[in-house]
Amino acid sequence: MNLRLLLDQNFPRPPGFDLASVDATVEAVHVYDHDRTLTEAGTPDWLIYLRAVEDGFDALVTRDWHQMDQPEE
């Protein structure tokens, strides 16, 4: 079973090495590389969450610690 991670737009893109060479069971995809339209200004985070689930990701990785302060999140 593989773990699919969607990296939020405020999270750095994967490092300059192939993540599969470290752990072949983990796939990390930056949201910009997955669907650039999700990085447009004004895209609500909840829409990114829904798309992540619809597209088969197991988790969204973000550095936005303020999301929990937003009622719609």
PDB file of N, CA and C in Angstrom:
ATOM      1  N   MET A   1       0.838  -1.183   0.000  1.00  0.00           N
ATOM      2  CA  MET A   1       0.000   0.000   0.000  1.00  0.00           C
ATOM      3  C   MET A   1       0.881   1.243   0.000  1.00  0.00           C
ATOM      4  N   ASN A   2       0.608   2.152  -0.904  1.00  0.00           N
ATOM      5  CA  ASN A   2       1.376   3.390  -0.991  1.00  0.00           C
ATOM      6  C   ASN A   2       0.670   4.523  -0.262  1.00  0.00           C
ATOM      7  N   LEU A   3       1.448   5.457   0.208  1.00  0.00           N
ATOM      8  CA  LEU A   3       0.942   6.658   0.860  1.00  0.00           C
ATOM      9  C   LEU A   3       1.092   7.804  -0.122  1.00  0.00           C
ATOM     10  N   ARG A   4      -0.027   8.443  -0.466  1.00  0.00           N
ATOM     11  CA  ARG A   4       0.007   9.564  -1.410  1.00  0.00           C
ATOM     12  C   ARG A   4      -0.214  10.862  -0.646  1.00  0.00           C
ATOM     13  N   LEU A   5       0.738  11.773  -0.747  1.00  0.00           N
ATOM     14  CA  LEU A   5       0.687  13.054  -0.063  1.00  0.00           C
ATOM     15  C   LEU A   5       0.562  14.177  -1.081  1.00  0.00           C
ATOM     16  N   LEU A   6      -0.374  15.089  -0.834  1.00  0.00           N
ATOM     17  CA  LEU A   6      -0.496  16.293  -1.642  1.00  0.00           C
ATOM     18  C   LEU A   6       0.121  17.430  -0.848  1.00  0.00           C
ATOM     19  N   LEU A   7       1.116  18.086  -1.416  1.00  0.00           N
ATOM     20  CA  LEU A   7       1.800  19.184  -0.732  1.00  0.00           C
ATOM     21  C   LEU A   7       1.105  20.490  -1.070  1.00  0.00           C
ATOM     22  N   ASP A   8       0.673  21.221  -0.054  1.00  0.00           N
ATOM     23  CA  ASP A   8      -0.027  22.491  -0.223  1.00  0.00           C
ATOM     24  C   ASP A   8       0.887  23.518  -0.882  1.00  0.00           C
ATOM     25  N   GLN A   9       0.282  24.568  -1.425  1.00  0.00           N
ATOM     26  CA  GLN A   9       1.063  25.566  -2.159  1.00  0.00           C
ATOM     27  C   GLN A   9       2.048  26.312  -1.277  1.00  0.00           C
ATOM     28  N   ASN A  10       1.814  26.371   0.028  1.00  0.00           N
ATOM     29  CA  ASN A  10       2.766  27.051   0.909  1.00  0.00           C
ATOM     30  C   ASN A  10       3.862  26.106   1.411  1.00  0.00           C
ATOM     31  N   PHE A  11       3.823  24.875   0.945  1.00  0.00           N
ATOM     32  CA  PHE A  11       4.831  23.884   1.320  1.00  0.00           C
ATOM     33  C   PHE A  11       5.836  23.765   0.182  1.00  0.00           C
ATOM     34  N   PRO A  12       7.121  23.664   0.493  1.00  0.00           N
ATOM     35  CA  PRO A  12       8.123  23.583  -0.584  1.00  0.00           C
ATOM     36  C   PRO A  12       7.916  22.344  -1.455  1.00  0.00           C
ATOM     37  N   ARG A  13       8.286  22.480  -2.692  1.00  0.00           N
ATOM     38  CA  ARG A  13       8.237  21.326  -3.594  1.00  0.00           C
ATOM     39  C   ARG A  13       9.199  20.262  -3.087  1.00  0.00           C
ATOM     40  N   PRO A  14       8.983  19.007  -3.525  1.00  0.00           N
ATOM     41  CA  PRO A  14       9.886  17.945  -3.066  1.00  0.00           C
ATOM     42  C   PRO A  14      11.349  18.293  -3.337  1.00  0.00           C
ATOM     43  N   PRO A  15      12.224  17.810  -2.480  1.00  0.00           N
ATOM     44  CA  PRO A  15      13.649  18.138  -2.617  1.00  0.00           C
ATOM     45  C   PRO A  15      14.237  17.622  -3.922  1.00  0.00           C
ATOM     46  N   GLY A  16      15.478  17.947  -4.161  1.00  0.00           N
ATOM     47  CA  GLY A  16      16.151  17.610  -5.410  1.00  0.00           C
ATOM     48  C   GLY A  16      16.528  16.161  -5.564  1.00  0.00           C
ATOM     49  N   PHE A  17      15.962  15.277  -4.740  1.00  0.00           N
ATOM     50  CA  PHE A  17      16.234  13.856  -4.898  1.00  0.00           C
ATOM     51  C   PHE A  17      14.910  13.129  -5.104  1.00  0.00           C
ATOM     52  N   ASP A  18      14.991  11.940  -5.615  1.00  0.00           N
ATOM     53  CA  ASP A  18      13.808  11.140  -5.871  1.00  0.00           C
ATOM     54  C   ASP A  18      13.343  10.517  -4.563  1.00  0.00           C
ATOM     55  N   LEU A  19      12.182  10.908  -4.097  1.00  0.00           N
ATOM     56  CA  LEU A  19      11.650  10.396  -2.835  1.00  0.00           C
ATOM     57  C   LEU A  19      11.508   8.870  -2.863  1.00  0.00           C
ATOM     58  N   ALA A  20      11.211   8.318  -4.018  1.00  0.00           N
ATOM     59  CA  ALA A  20      11.070   6.863  -4.146  1.00  0.00           C
ATOM     60  C   ALA A  20      12.371   6.133  -3.830  1.00  0.00           C
ATOM     61  N   SER A  21      13.511   6.809  -3.997  1.00  0.00           N
ATOM     62  CA  SER A  21      14.782   6.162  -3.668  1.00  0.00           C
ATOM     63  C   SER A  21      14.967   6.034  -2.153  1.00  0.00           C
ATOM     64  N   VAL A  22      14.246   6.846  -1.388  1.00  0.00           N
ATOM     65  CA  VAL A  22      14.302   6.776   0.073  1.00  0.00           C
ATOM     66  C   VAL A  22      13.221   5.835   0.599  1.00  0.00           C
ATOM     67  N   ASP A  23      12.015   5.983   0.034  1.00  0.00           N
ATOM     68  CA  ASP A  23      10.892   5.138   0.451  1.00  0.00           C
ATOM     69  C   ASP A  23       9.937   4.990  -0.730  1.00  0.00           C
ATOM     70  N   ALA A  24       9.955   3.832  -1.323  1.00  0.00           N
ATOM     71  CA  ALA A  24       9.161   3.593  -2.534  1.00  0.00           C
ATOM     72  C   ALA A  24       7.666   3.565  -2.259  1.00  0.00           C
ATOM     73  N   THR A  25       7.259   3.545  -0.994  1.00  0.00           N
ATOM     74  CA  THR A  25       5.838   3.487  -0.672  1.00  0.00           C
ATOM     75  C   THR A  25       5.214   4.867  -0.480  1.00  0.00           C
ATOM     76  N   VAL A  26       6.015   5.931  -0.598  1.00  0.00           N
ATOM     77  CA  VAL A  26       5.510   7.286  -0.392  1.00  0.00           C
ATOM     78  C   VAL A  26       5.618   8.075  -1.697  1.00  0.00           C
ATOM     79  N   GLU A  27       4.504   8.709  -2.057  1.00  0.00           N
ATOM     80  CA  GLU A  27       4.484   9.590  -3.218  1.00  0.00           C
ATOM     81  C   GLU A  27       4.078  10.973  -2.739  1.00  0.00           C
ATOM     82  N   ALA A  28       4.876  11.976  -3.028  1.00  0.00           N
ATOM     83  CA  ALA A  28       4.571  13.362  -2.662  1.00  0.00           C
ATOM     84  C   ALA A  28       4.446  14.178  -3.937  1.00  0.00           C
ATOM     85  N   VAL A  29       3.283  14.829  -4.087  1.00  0.00           N
ATOM     86  CA  VAL A  29       3.008  15.632  -5.277  1.00  0.00           C
ATOM     87  C   VAL A  29       2.642  17.040  -4.830  1.00  0.00           C
ATOM     88  N   HIS A  30       3.307  18.030  -5.391  1.00  0.00           N
ATOM     89  CA  HIS A  30       2.979  19.412  -5.066  1.00  0.00           C
ATOM     90  C   HIS A  30       1.688  19.789  -5.772  1.00  0.00           C
ATOM     91  N   VAL A  31       0.832  20.550  -5.082  1.00  0.00           N
ATOM     92  CA  VAL A  31      -0.473  20.909  -5.641  1.00  0.00           C
ATOM     93  C   VAL A  31      -0.329  21.633  -6.987  1.00  0.00           C
ATOM     94  N   TYR A  32       0.719  22.411  -7.172  1.00  0.00           N
ATOM     95  CA  TYR A  32       0.947  23.103  -8.442  1.00  0.00           C
ATOM     96  C   TYR A  32       1.166  22.106  -9.571  1.00  0.00           C
ATOM     97  N   ASP A  33       1.883  21.045  -9.287  1.00  0.00           N
ATOM     98  CA  ASP A  33       2.136  20.023 -10.302  1.00  0.00           C
ATOM     99  C   ASP A  33       0.918  19.132 -10.536  1.00  0.00           C
ATOM    100  N   HIS A  34       0.085  19.009  -9.534  1.00  0.00           N
ATOM    101  CA  HIS A  34      -1.110  18.170  -9.644  1.00  0.00           C
ATOM    102  C   HIS A  34      -2.221  18.885 -10.420  1.00  0.00           C
ATOM    103  N   ASP A  35      -2.520  20.125 -10.028  1.00  0.00           N
ATOM    104  CA  ASP A  35      -3.569  20.908 -10.685  1.00  0.00           C
ATOM    105  C   ASP A  35      -3.312  22.380 -10.413  1.00  0.00           C
ATOM    106  N   ARG A  36      -2.737  23.051 -11.364  1.00  0.00           N
ATOM    107  CA  ARG A  36      -2.350  24.463 -11.185  1.00  0.00           C
ATOM    108  C   ARG A  36      -3.527  25.362 -10.844  1.00  0.00           C
ATOM    109  N   THR A  37      -4.724  24.995 -11.277  1.00  0.00           N
ATOM    110  CA  THR A  37      -5.879  25.849 -10.987  1.00  0.00           C
ATOM    111  C   THR A  37      -6.150  25.932  -9.486  1.00  0.00           C
ATOM    112  N   LEU A  38      -5.701  24.947  -8.728  1.00  0.00           N
ATOM    113  CA  LEU A  38      -5.903  24.981  -7.280  1.00  0.00           C
ATOM    114  C   LEU A  38      -4.979  25.971  -6.579  1.00  0.00           C
ATOM    115  N   THR A  39      -3.990  26.494  -7.285  1.00  0.00           N
ATOM    116  CA  THR A  39      -3.057  27.448  -6.674  1.00  0.00           C
ATOM    117  C   THR A  39      -3.436  28.892  -6.969  1.00  0.00           C
ATOM    118  N   GLU A  40      -4.532  29.096  -7.675  1.00  0.00           N
ATOM    119  CA  GLU A  40      -4.952  30.459  -7.998  1.00  0.00           C
ATOM    120  C   GLU A  40      -5.411  31.178  -6.734  1.00  0.00           C
ATOM    121  N   ALA A  41      -5.194  32.473  -6.706  1.00  0.00           N
ATOM    122  CA  ALA A  41      -5.604  33.278  -5.558  1.00  0.00           C
ATOM    123  C   ALA A  41      -7.104  33.123  -5.330  1.00  0.00           C
ATOM    124  N   GLY A  42      -7.461  32.983  -4.098  1.00  0.00           N
ATOM    125  CA  GLY A  42      -8.868  32.889  -3.746  1.00  0.00           C
ATOM    126  C   GLY A  42      -9.423  31.478  -3.701  1.00  0.00           C
ATOM    127  N   THR A  43      -8.625  30.473  -4.050  1.00  0.00           N
ATOM    128  CA  THR A  43      -9.106  29.090  -3.951  1.00  0.00           C
ATOM    129  C   THR A  43      -9.206  28.723  -2.474  1.00  0.00           C
ATOM    130  N   PRO A  44     -10.397  28.410  -1.996  1.00  0.00           N
ATOM    131  CA  PRO A  44     -10.531  28.075  -0.574  1.00  0.00           C
ATOM    132  C   PRO A  44      -9.860  26.740  -0.251  1.00  0.00           C
ATOM    133  N   ASP A  45      -9.314  26.664   0.943  1.00  0.00           N
ATOM    134  CA  ASP A  45      -8.623  25.444   1.361  1.00  0.00           C
ATOM    135  C   ASP A  45      -9.550  24.235   1.334  1.00  0.00           C
ATOM    136  N   TRP A  46     -10.818  24.416   1.692  1.00  0.00           N
ATOM    137  CA  TRP A  46     -11.739  23.279   1.721  1.00  0.00           C
ATOM    138  C   TRP A  46     -11.883  22.649   0.338  1.00  0.00           C
ATOM    139  N   LEU A  47     -11.768  23.461  -0.722  1.00  0.00           N
ATOM    140  CA  LEU A  47     -11.843  22.915  -2.071  1.00  0.00           C
ATOM    141  C   LEU A  47     -10.610  22.046  -2.368  1.00  0.00           C
ATOM    142  N   ILE A  48      -9.465  22.473  -1.892  1.00  0.00           N
ATOM    143  CA  ILE A  48      -8.248  21.674  -2.063  1.00  0.00           C
ATOM    144  C   ILE A  48      -8.381  20.356  -1.297  1.00  0.00           C
ATOM    145  N   TYR A  49      -8.961  20.395  -0.096  1.00  0.00           N
ATOM    146  CA  TYR A  49      -9.176  19.166   0.679  1.00  0.00           C
ATOM    147  C   TYR A  49     -10.072  18.192  -0.085  1.00  0.00           C
ATOM    148  N   LEU A  50     -11.161  18.718  -0.629  1.00  0.00           N
ATOM    149  CA  LEU A  50     -12.076  17.859  -1.383  1.00  0.00           C
ATOM    150  C   LEU A  50     -11.403  17.238  -2.593  1.00  0.00           C
ATOM    151  N   ARG A  51     -10.658  18.053  -3.326  1.00  0.00           N
ATOM    152  CA  ARG A  51      -9.960  17.531  -4.507  1.00  0.00           C
ATOM    153  C   ARG A  51      -8.925  16.487  -4.128  1.00  0.00           C
ATOM    154  N   ALA A  52      -8.252  16.695  -3.010  1.00  0.00           N
ATOM    155  CA  ALA A  52      -7.253  15.718  -2.562  1.00  0.00           C
ATOM    156  C   ALA A  52      -7.908  14.357  -2.328  1.00  0.00           C
ATOM    157  N   VAL A  53      -9.052  14.354  -1.681  1.00  0.00           N
ATOM    158  CA  VAL A  53      -9.762  13.105  -1.423  1.00  0.00           C
ATOM    159  C   VAL A  53     -10.253  12.504  -2.734  1.00  0.00           C
ATOM    160  N   GLU A  54     -10.882  13.336  -3.571  1.00  0.00           N
ATOM    161  CA  GLU A  54     -11.407  12.849  -4.854  1.00  0.00           C
ATOM    162  C   GLU A  54     -10.309  12.248  -5.729  1.00  0.00           C
ATOM    163  N   ASP A  55      -9.112  12.803  -5.645  1.00  0.00           N
ATOM    164  CA  ASP A  55      -8.015  12.371  -6.503  1.00  0.00           C
ATOM    165  C   ASP A  55      -7.152  11.280  -5.869  1.00  0.00           C
ATOM    166  N   GLY A  56      -7.593  10.753  -4.737  1.00  0.00           N
ATOM    167  CA  GLY A  56      -6.936   9.585  -4.156  1.00  0.00           C
ATOM    168  C   GLY A  56      -5.751   9.860  -3.253  1.00  0.00           C
ATOM    169  N   PHE A  57      -5.607  11.084  -2.763  1.00  0.00           N
ATOM    170  CA  PHE A  57      -4.520  11.373  -1.826  1.00  0.00           C
ATOM    171  C   PHE A  57      -4.935  10.963  -0.416  1.00  0.00           C
ATOM    172  N   ASP A  58      -3.953  10.547   0.365  1.00  0.00           N
ATOM    173  CA  ASP A  58      -4.209  10.124   1.737  1.00  0.00           C
ATOM    174  C   ASP A  58      -4.128  11.276   2.727  1.00  0.00           C
ATOM    175  N   ALA A  59      -3.373  12.312   2.377  1.00  0.00           N
ATOM    176  CA  ALA A  59      -3.198  13.440   3.291  1.00  0.00           C
ATOM    177  C   ALA A  59      -2.755  14.681   2.525  1.00  0.00           C
ATOM    178  N   LEU A  60      -3.031  15.822   3.125  1.00  0.00           N
ATOM    179  CA  LEU A  60      -2.556  17.103   2.615  1.00  0.00           C
ATOM    180  C   LEU A  60      -1.514  17.621   3.603  1.00  0.00           C
ATOM    181  N   VAL A  61      -0.344  17.958   3.108  1.00  0.00           N
ATOM    182  CA  VAL A  61       0.738  18.459   3.951  1.00  0.00           C
ATOM    183  C   VAL A  61       0.803  19.969   3.760  1.00  0.00           C
ATOM    184  N   THR A  62       0.729  20.718   4.859  1.00  0.00           N
ATOM    185  CA  THR A  62       0.719  22.175   4.783  1.00  0.00           C
ATOM    186  C   THR A  62       1.538  22.771   5.917  1.00  0.00           C
ATOM    187  N   ARG A  63       1.932  24.013   5.725  1.00  0.00           N
ATOM    188  CA  ARG A  63       2.605  24.760   6.797  1.00  0.00           C
ATOM    189  C   ARG A  63       1.718  25.890   7.302  1.00  0.00           C
ATOM    190  N   ASP A  64       0.462  25.895   6.893  1.00  0.00           N
ATOM    191  CA  ASP A  64      -0.481  26.941   7.278  1.00  0.00           C
ATOM    192  C   ASP A  64      -1.124  26.591   8.610  1.00  0.00           C
ATOM    193  N   TRP A  65      -0.537  27.037   9.696  1.00  0.00           N
ATOM    194  CA  TRP A  65      -1.038  26.708  11.028  1.00  0.00           C
ATOM    195  C   TRP A  65      -2.278  27.521  11.387  1.00  0.00           C
ATOM    196  N   HIS A  66      -2.651  28.481  10.543  1.00  0.00           N
ATOM    197  CA  HIS A  66      -3.831  29.301  10.814  1.00  0.00           C
ATOM    198  C   HIS A  66      -5.124  28.661  10.305  1.00  0.00           C
ATOM    199  N   GLN A  67      -5.017  27.550   9.609  1.00  0.00           N
ATOM    200  CA  GLN A  67      -6.222  26.922   9.071  1.00  0.00           C
ATOM    201  C   GLN A  67      -7.210  26.541  10.163  1.00  0.00           C
ATOM    202  N   MET A  68      -6.714  26.124  11.281  1.00  0.00           N
ATOM    203  CA  MET A  68      -7.612  25.713  12.371  1.00  0.00           C
ATOM    204  C   MET A  68      -8.358  26.900  12.985  1.00  0.00           C
ATOM    205  N   ASP A  69      -7.898  28.123  12.736  1.00  0.00           N
ATOM    206  CA  ASP A  69      -8.554  29.310  13.246  1.00  0.00           C
ATOM    207  C   ASP A  69      -9.671  29.796  12.335  1.00  0.00           C
ATOM    208  N   GLN A  70      -9.804  29.183  11.166  1.00  0.00           N
ATOM    209  CA  GLN A  70     -10.805  29.597  10.188  1.00  0.00           C
ATOM    210  C   GLN A  70     -12.007  28.651  10.294  1.00  0.00           C
ATOM    211  N   PRO A  71     -13.188  29.177  10.592  1.00  0.00           N
ATOM    212  CA  PRO A  71     -14.367  28.319  10.835  1.00  0.00           C
ATOM    213  C   PRO A  71     -14.679  27.349   9.695  1.00  0.00           C
ATOM    214  N   GLU A  72     -14.506  27.774   8.463  1.00  0.00           N
ATOM    215  CA  GLU A  72     -14.837  26.907   7.335  1.00  0.00           C
ATOM    216  C   GLU A  72     -13.827  25.796   7.128  1.00  0.00           C
ATOM    217  N   GLU A  73     -12.704  25.867   7.801  1.00  0.00           N
ATOM    218  CA  GLU A  73     -11.671  24.840   7.663  1.00  0.00           C
ATOM    219  C   GLU A  73     -12.008  23.686   8.566  1.00  0.00           C
TER     220      GLU A  73
END
